[in-house]
């Protein structure tokens, strides 16, 4: 990367941590550093039907140099969580809980003023949005849009900003970047537009990159290229990545830890290996079972498993556990009492009265009594 003495010089130094893909995060000094701390995040919206809570008491850390995956069905609160962190929700209808905190560099950015947020947003915490065609401005060239971020967050001259823009387009493997900077979004393919979004997000070398389903609109080949590119850039820049997706195959490929969300709540979290090989929440298990297996043959009598029903409306949440009306292992306690996110004698927290190792044992016991 170009030496820039008048800006932050994180450059391409290797990260201080060692990332074991799918095997948890292993910092060399044994002390993980959280670059972003989310505590009791609650996000509410004022609607014509009253106040709706879209994210409810969510807490997690994003560690330096890791990739944290946030998964769940549509409507579980993943995108609202990311936009709450970035303070991108319309302030006239959105509000945050009294005790909610998103701490970055010692500052609770939920309470930061607009001037502080302008310094943080796009510079220290950047975001790749889900659909680049609606996120890129159609009336400006892609080069101008990357240059705009550099104008706000660096002291580079006009010539240096142009060089930096070309360098970033080359870094995300866009061919002939000298020509591409003068093109408009509609002149680029979907894969190239997504790469432009990544270049724009990374041009100021942020500490945290939030990627909201960055490969949803792309074909499988381009998706693999984008994921490899993000992993490569993480290794080069030491950037922490928060990857929001409903694709568990993507999570298995690039993430170190996983946060599973349902109906606005975190229901389970752990490293990739733990989540994939020993899920403790019935919802996590159902998500994993719904993934098509390579080489598996399906027939009319053996169909791909699905999760019955849909995510409940946030206006009419079920009593007790929010997953109880779709859960195979539901018991009366699940209807009467909402579980807390605690360890329950397990190596990681899970929001379930009867984690799978206990639920399966109870089910077998019930069958034996019949």
Protein backbone atom coordinates (compact mmCIF):
# COMPACT_ATOMS: atom_id res chain seq x y z
CA UNK A 1 0.00 0.00 0.00
CA UNK A 2 1.09 3.58 -0.53
CA UNK A 3 2.95 5.28 2.32
CA UNK A 4 0.76 8.06 3.69
CA UNK A 5 2.49 9.90 6.53
CA UNK A 6 -0.45 12.26 6.96
CA UNK A 7 -3.01 9.50 7.57
CA UNK A 8 -3.23 6.39 9.71
CA UNK A 9 -0.44 4.05 8.65
CA UNK A 10 -1.77 0.58 9.30
CA UNK A 11 -0.61 -0.46 5.85
CA UNK A 12 -0.18 -4.13 5.04
CA UNK A 13 1.42 -5.22 8.28
CA UNK A 14 0.42 -8.77 9.21
CA UNK A 15 -2.21 -8.96 11.96
CA UNK A 16 -1.08 -9.67 15.50
CA UNK A 17 -3.45 -12.62 15.78
CA UNK A 18 -3.55 -16.04 14.23
CA UNK A 19 -6.89 -16.92 12.72
CA UNK A 20 -7.87 -20.56 12.54
CA UNK A 21 -10.62 -20.71 9.92
CA UNK A 22 -13.57 -22.53 11.39
CA UNK A 23 -11.61 -23.41 14.49
CA UNK A 24 -12.10 -20.38 16.70
CA UNK A 25 -9.86 -17.38 17.21
CA UNK A 26 -6.36 -17.93 18.55
CA UNK A 27 -4.49 -14.71 19.49
CA UNK A 28 -0.77 -15.24 19.92
CA UNK A 29 -0.53 -13.49 23.27
CA UNK A 30 -3.60 -15.26 24.65
CA UNK A 31 -5.49 -12.00 25.17
CA UNK A 32 -8.10 -11.35 22.46
CA UNK A 33 -8.61 -7.69 21.69
CA UNK A 34 -12.16 -6.59 21.00
CA UNK A 35 -12.17 -3.76 18.46
CA UNK A 36 -15.96 -3.45 18.66
CA UNK A 37 -18.06 -4.19 21.76
CA UNK A 38 -21.85 -4.43 21.46
CA UNK A 39 -23.66 -4.51 24.80
CA UNK A 40 -27.41 -4.93 25.33
CA UNK A 41 -28.23 -3.44 21.93
CA UNK A 42 -31.96 -2.83 21.64
CA UNK A 43 -33.40 -1.11 18.58
CA UNK A 44 -37.03 0.01 18.40
CA UNK A 45 -39.12 1.52 15.62
CA UNK A 46 -42.15 3.75 15.99
CA UNK A 47 -44.88 2.55 13.65
CA UNK A 48 -48.58 3.26 13.09
CA UNK A 49 -49.32 0.13 15.14
CA UNK A 50 -47.10 1.15 18.04
CA UNK A 51 -43.46 0.58 19.00
CA UNK A 52 -41.81 -2.53 17.52
CA UNK A 53 -38.56 -3.97 18.93
CA UNK A 54 -36.49 -5.31 16.02
CA UNK A 55 -33.28 -6.07 17.97
CA UNK A 56 -33.67 -7.13 21.58
CA UNK A 57 -30.80 -7.09 24.12
CA UNK A 58 -28.04 -8.27 21.76
CA UNK A 59 -24.43 -8.45 23.02
CA UNK A 60 -21.25 -9.61 21.29
CA UNK A 61 -17.63 -8.64 20.56
CA UNK A 62 -15.79 -8.38 17.26
CA UNK A 63 -12.15 -9.32 17.76
CA UNK A 64 -9.23 -7.83 15.84
CA UNK A 65 -8.41 -9.77 12.68
CA UNK A 66 -11.31 -12.23 12.91
CA UNK A 67 -14.40 -12.87 10.79
CA UNK A 68 -17.60 -13.02 12.85
CA UNK A 69 -20.61 -14.49 11.06
CA UNK A 70 -24.15 -13.42 11.97
CA UNK A 71 -26.73 -15.85 10.59
CA UNK A 72 -30.47 -16.39 10.63
CA UNK A 73 -33.54 -16.25 8.42
CA UNK A 74 -34.81 -13.03 6.89
CA UNK A 75 -36.47 -10.92 9.56
CA UNK A 76 -34.24 -12.09 12.41
CA UNK A 77 -32.63 -8.66 12.95
CA UNK A 78 -29.24 -9.12 11.27
CA UNK A 79 -29.33 -6.03 9.03
CA UNK A 80 -30.95 -3.85 11.70
CA UNK A 81 -28.09 -4.82 14.03
CA UNK A 82 -25.49 -3.74 11.48
CA UNK A 83 -27.26 -0.47 10.64
CA UNK A 84 -27.67 0.27 14.36
CA UNK A 85 -23.90 -0.08 14.79
CA UNK A 86 -23.34 2.29 11.86
CA UNK A 87 -26.14 4.66 13.01
CA UNK A 88 -27.74 4.49 9.58
CA UNK A 89 -31.35 4.07 10.72
CA UNK A 90 -33.76 7.01 10.32
CA UNK A 91 -33.59 8.84 13.64
CA UNK A 92 -37.18 10.11 13.48
CA UNK A 93 -38.55 6.56 13.85
CA UNK A 94 -35.66 4.54 15.34
CA UNK A 95 -34.46 4.63 18.93
CA UNK A 96 -32.05 2.62 21.09
CA UNK A 97 -32.40 1.14 24.55
CA UNK A 98 -31.39 3.20 27.56
CA UNK A 99 -28.62 0.75 28.47
CA UNK A 100 -27.53 -0.07 24.90
CA UNK A 101 -23.87 0.46 24.06
CA UNK A 102 -21.74 0.05 20.93
CA UNK A 103 -18.22 0.82 22.10
CA UNK A 104 -15.46 1.57 19.61
CA UNK A 105 -12.12 3.05 20.64
CA UNK A 106 -13.56 3.90 24.06
CA UNK A 107 -16.58 5.77 22.65
CA UNK A 108 -20.22 4.65 22.84
CA UNK A 109 -21.11 5.54 19.26
CA UNK A 110 -24.84 5.18 19.93
CA UNK A 111 -24.53 8.41 21.94
CA UNK A 112 -21.93 10.09 19.71
CA UNK A 113 -22.82 13.34 17.96
CA UNK A 114 -23.00 13.65 14.17
CA UNK A 115 -19.47 15.05 13.92
CA UNK A 116 -17.98 12.07 15.76
CA UNK A 117 -19.98 9.65 13.62
CA UNK A 118 -18.72 11.25 10.41
CA UNK A 119 -15.15 10.61 11.58
CA UNK A 120 -15.88 6.98 12.45
CA UNK A 121 -18.30 5.95 9.70
CA UNK A 122 -16.51 4.99 6.51
CA UNK A 123 -13.10 5.59 8.04
CA UNK A 124 -12.75 3.31 11.08
CA UNK A 125 -15.93 1.26 10.58
CA UNK A 126 -16.99 0.65 6.98
CA UNK A 127 -19.89 -1.27 5.46
CA UNK A 128 -20.54 -3.22 2.27
CA UNK A 129 -24.23 -3.12 1.47
CA UNK A 130 -26.34 -5.98 0.15
CA UNK A 131 -27.19 -4.61 -3.30
CA UNK A 132 -24.44 -2.49 -4.93
CA UNK A 133 -26.67 -1.17 -7.73
CA UNK A 134 -28.87 0.62 -5.18
CA UNK A 135 -25.93 1.64 -2.96
CA UNK A 136 -23.76 3.19 -5.67
CA UNK A 137 -24.89 6.56 -7.02
CA UNK A 138 -25.84 6.07 -10.70
CA UNK A 139 -24.99 9.66 -11.71
CA UNK A 140 -21.35 9.62 -10.54
CA UNK A 141 -18.44 7.54 -11.78
CA UNK A 142 -17.13 4.79 -9.53
CA UNK A 143 -13.80 6.62 -9.31
CA UNK A 144 -15.52 9.78 -8.05
CA UNK A 145 -17.38 7.80 -5.38
CA UNK A 146 -14.21 6.18 -4.02
CA UNK A 147 -12.44 9.55 -4.20
CA UNK A 148 -15.24 11.11 -2.11
CA UNK A 149 -14.43 8.82 0.84
CA UNK A 150 -10.75 9.73 0.57
CA UNK A 151 -11.57 13.47 0.47
CA UNK A 152 -13.50 13.25 3.74
CA UNK A 153 -11.16 10.97 5.68
CA UNK A 154 -7.61 11.66 4.46
CA UNK A 155 -5.32 14.60 3.69
CA UNK A 156 -4.23 13.24 0.33
CA UNK A 157 -3.89 15.58 -2.62
CA UNK A 158 -6.05 15.17 -5.72
CA UNK A 159 -3.29 13.31 -7.57
CA UNK A 160 -2.62 11.06 -4.58
CA UNK A 161 -6.32 10.29 -4.24
CA UNK A 162 -6.47 9.25 -7.89
CA UNK A 163 -3.47 6.97 -7.40
CA UNK A 164 -5.05 5.53 -4.27
CA UNK A 165 -8.33 4.90 -6.10
CA UNK A 166 -6.56 3.06 -8.90
CA UNK A 167 -4.56 1.12 -6.33
CA UNK A 168 -7.74 0.02 -4.52
CA UNK A 169 -9.44 -1.08 -7.76
CA UNK A 170 -6.34 -3.07 -8.60
CA UNK A 171 -6.36 -4.55 -5.09
CA UNK A 172 -9.90 -5.88 -5.60
CA UNK A 173 -8.77 -7.34 -8.92
CA UNK A 174 -10.71 -5.11 -11.31
CA UNK A 175 -8.91 -5.19 -14.68
CA UNK A 176 -7.72 -1.96 -16.31
CA UNK A 177 -8.52 0.25 -13.27
CA UNK A 178 -7.22 3.40 -15.03
CA UNK A 179 -10.18 3.13 -17.40
CA UNK A 180 -12.73 1.81 -14.92
CA UNK A 181 -12.51 4.85 -12.63
CA UNK A 182 -14.22 6.90 -15.35
CA UNK A 183 -17.13 4.47 -15.76
CA UNK A 184 -20.59 4.60 -14.21
CA UNK A 185 -22.11 1.76 -12.13
CA UNK A 186 -24.44 0.64 -14.93
CA UNK A 187 -21.40 0.04 -17.16
CA UNK A 188 -20.04 -2.61 -14.79
CA UNK A 189 -21.17 -6.17 -14.13
CA UNK A 190 -22.69 -7.19 -10.79
CA UNK A 191 -19.41 -8.74 -9.65
CA UNK A 192 -17.44 -5.61 -10.55
CA UNK A 193 -19.94 -3.34 -8.76
CA UNK A 194 -19.57 -5.46 -5.65
CA UNK A 195 -15.77 -5.18 -5.92
CA UNK A 196 -16.14 -1.39 -6.21
CA UNK A 197 -18.18 -1.43 -2.99
CA UNK A 198 -15.41 -3.41 -1.28
CA UNK A 199 -12.77 -0.99 -2.61
CA UNK A 200 -14.79 1.97 -1.34
CA UNK A 201 -15.19 0.37 2.08
CA UNK A 202 -11.50 -0.50 2.39
CA UNK A 203 -9.89 2.60 0.88
CA UNK A 204 -9.38 4.19 4.32
CA UNK A 205 -8.20 0.90 5.87
CA UNK A 206 -10.96 0.52 8.50
CA UNK A 207 -10.57 -1.42 11.73
CA UNK A 208 -13.96 -3.11 11.21
CA UNK A 209 -15.68 -4.06 7.96
CA UNK A 210 -19.41 -4.91 8.11
CA UNK A 211 -20.48 -6.97 5.08
CA UNK A 212 -24.26 -7.29 4.78
CA UNK A 213 -24.87 -10.33 2.55
CA UNK A 214 -22.22 -9.14 0.07
CA UNK A 215 -22.66 -12.11 -2.30
CA UNK A 216 -26.45 -12.54 -2.35
CA UNK A 217 -27.00 -11.14 -5.85
CA UNK A 218 -23.98 -12.84 -7.41
CA UNK A 219 -23.60 -16.15 -9.19
CA UNK A 220 -21.67 -18.95 -7.52
CA UNK A 221 -18.40 -18.33 -9.38
CA UNK A 222 -18.32 -14.60 -8.58
CA UNK A 223 -19.43 -15.34 -5.01
CA UNK A 224 -16.41 -17.57 -4.47
CA UNK A 225 -14.11 -14.89 -5.89
CA UNK A 226 -15.56 -12.19 -3.60
CA UNK A 227 -15.23 -14.40 -0.52
CA UNK A 228 -11.63 -15.28 -1.37
CA UNK A 229 -10.94 -11.59 -1.95
CA UNK A 230 -12.39 -10.60 1.43
CA UNK A 231 -10.34 -13.29 3.21
CA UNK A 232 -7.21 -12.15 1.38
CA UNK A 233 -7.79 -8.49 2.25
CA UNK A 234 -8.38 -9.42 5.90
CA UNK A 235 -4.99 -11.11 6.00
CA UNK A 236 -3.28 -8.16 4.28
CA UNK A 237 -4.92 -5.34 6.22
CA UNK A 238 -5.69 -7.03 9.56
CA UNK A 239 -9.29 -5.80 9.33
CA UNK A 240 -11.97 -7.46 11.48
CA UNK A 241 -14.97 -8.54 9.41
CA UNK A 242 -18.58 -8.86 10.55
CA UNK A 243 -20.28 -10.99 7.88
CA UNK A 244 -24.08 -11.00 7.80
CA UNK A 245 -25.58 -13.87 5.82
CA UNK A 246 -28.21 -16.59 5.75
CA UNK A 247 -25.86 -18.90 3.84
CA UNK A 248 -24.25 -21.34 6.27
CA UNK A 249 -22.00 -22.63 3.50
CA UNK A 250 -20.41 -19.18 3.31
CA UNK A 251 -20.03 -19.14 7.10
CA UNK A 252 -18.22 -22.49 7.07
CA UNK A 253 -15.88 -21.20 4.38
CA UNK A 254 -14.73 -17.87 5.81
CA UNK A 255 -15.83 -17.32 9.43
CA UNK A 256 -14.07 -17.94 12.75
CA UNK A 257 -17.01 -17.46 15.11
CA UNK A 258 -20.78 -17.51 14.60
CA UNK A 259 -23.69 -15.64 16.16
CA UNK A 260 -27.12 -17.20 15.45
CA UNK A 261 -30.10 -14.80 15.64
CA UNK A 262 -33.83 -15.45 15.74
CA UNK A 263 -36.67 -12.92 16.05
CA UNK A 264 -34.32 -10.14 17.17
CA UNK A 265 -32.44 -12.19 19.76
CA UNK A 266 -29.11 -14.02 19.89
CA UNK A 267 -29.95 -17.68 20.52
CA UNK A 268 -26.53 -19.32 20.24
CA UNK A 269 -22.92 -18.40 19.65
CA UNK A 270 -19.61 -20.20 19.36
CA UNK A 271 -16.75 -21.01 17.03
CA UNK A 272 -17.58 -22.46 13.61
CA UNK A 273 -16.49 -25.98 14.50
CA UNK A 274 -18.69 -26.04 17.62
CA UNK A 275 -21.75 -24.68 15.84
CA UNK A 276 -21.49 -27.00 12.85
CA UNK A 277 -20.54 -30.19 14.65
CA UNK A 278 -22.45 -29.80 17.91
CA UNK A 279 -25.36 -27.31 17.59
CA UNK A 280 -27.19 -26.89 20.90
CA UNK A 281 -30.25 -24.87 19.86
CA UNK A 282 -32.98 -26.64 17.82
CA UNK A 283 -33.12 -23.67 15.44
CA UNK A 284 -29.39 -23.92 14.70
CA UNK A 285 -29.76 -27.65 14.09
CA UNK A 286 -32.73 -27.05 11.76
CA UNK A 287 -30.75 -24.47 9.76
CA UNK A 288 -27.88 -26.93 9.33
CA UNK A 289 -30.21 -29.78 8.32
CA UNK A 290 -31.79 -27.60 5.61
CA UNK A 291 -28.47 -27.29 3.75
CA UNK A 292 -28.35 -29.58 0.66
CA UNK A 293 -25.65 -32.19 1.17
CA UNK A 294 -23.20 -32.95 -1.60
CA UNK A 295 -24.01 -36.30 -3.24
CA UNK A 296 -27.24 -36.78 -1.26
CA UNK A 297 -30.14 -38.10 -3.31
CA UNK A 298 -33.67 -36.98 -2.59
CA UNK A 299 -36.91 -38.69 -3.50
CA UNK A 300 -40.59 -38.00 -2.96
CA UNK A 301 -40.42 -39.82 0.37
CA UNK A 302 -37.05 -38.34 1.44
CA UNK A 303 -37.19 -34.60 0.84
CA UNK A 304 -34.81 -31.88 1.98
CA UNK A 305 -35.70 -31.00 5.60
CA UNK A 306 -37.28 -27.59 6.14
CA UNK A 307 -38.27 -25.51 9.17
CA UNK A 308 -42.04 -25.43 9.42
CA UNK A 309 -43.79 -22.08 9.66
CA UNK A 310 -42.17 -18.65 9.41
CA UNK A 311 -40.34 -16.20 11.67
CA UNK A 312 -43.02 -14.66 13.94
CA UNK A 313 -44.15 -11.09 13.47
CA UNK A 314 -42.35 -8.73 15.82
CA UNK A 315 -45.76 -7.24 16.66
CA UNK A 316 -47.13 -10.60 17.82
CA UNK A 317 -44.30 -12.62 19.35
CA UNK A 318 -45.25 -15.96 20.93
CA UNK A 319 -45.17 -16.30 24.70
CA UNK A 320 -42.11 -17.98 26.17
CA UNK A 321 -39.42 -19.09 23.74
CA UNK A 322 -39.84 -17.28 20.42
CA UNK A 323 -39.09 -20.49 18.52
CA UNK A 324 -41.53 -22.71 20.42
CA UNK A 325 -44.24 -22.87 17.72
CA UNK A 326 -41.70 -24.25 15.22
CA UNK A 327 -39.61 -26.40 17.55
CA UNK A 328 -39.63 -30.20 17.46
CA UNK A 329 -38.59 -30.44 21.12
CA UNK A 330 -41.06 -27.87 22.54
CA UNK A 331 -42.26 -28.55 26.11
CA UNK A 332 -44.63 -26.69 28.40
CA UNK A 333 -41.83 -24.72 30.03
CA UNK A 334 -40.88 -23.36 26.58
CA UNK A 335 -44.37 -21.85 26.28
CA UNK A 336 -44.53 -20.53 29.84
CA UNK A 337 -41.06 -19.01 30.20
CA UNK A 338 -38.59 -17.36 27.82
CA UNK A 339 -35.09 -18.82 28.22
CA UNK A 340 -32.04 -16.69 28.92
CA UNK A 341 -28.80 -16.78 26.94
CA UNK A 342 -26.62 -18.68 29.41
CA UNK A 343 -24.19 -21.59 29.32
CA UNK A 344 -26.40 -24.15 31.20
CA UNK A 345 -23.39 -26.36 31.88
CA UNK A 346 -22.32 -26.20 28.22
CA UNK A 347 -19.04 -24.75 26.88
CA UNK A 348 -20.90 -21.85 25.23
CA UNK A 349 -24.13 -19.86 25.82
CA UNK A 350 -27.44 -20.99 24.28
CA UNK A 351 -30.95 -19.55 24.66
CA UNK A 352 -32.85 -22.79 25.26
CA UNK A 353 -34.38 -24.47 28.33
CA UNK A 354 -33.50 -27.89 26.89
CA UNK A 355 -30.30 -27.73 24.78
CA UNK A 356 -30.09 -30.48 22.20
CA UNK A 357 -27.94 -32.85 24.22
CA UNK A 358 -30.56 -32.61 27.00
CA UNK A 359 -33.57 -32.43 24.69
CA UNK A 360 -32.60 -35.61 22.84
CA UNK A 361 -32.14 -37.44 26.13
CA UNK A 362 -35.56 -36.25 27.34
CA UNK A 363 -37.20 -37.32 24.08
CA UNK A 364 -35.65 -40.79 24.32
CA UNK A 365 -36.78 -41.06 27.92
CA UNK A 366 -40.34 -40.07 26.98
CA UNK A 367 -40.41 -42.70 24.23
CA UNK A 368 -39.26 -45.35 26.71
CA UNK A 369 -42.13 -44.54 29.08
CA UNK A 370 -44.77 -45.06 26.41
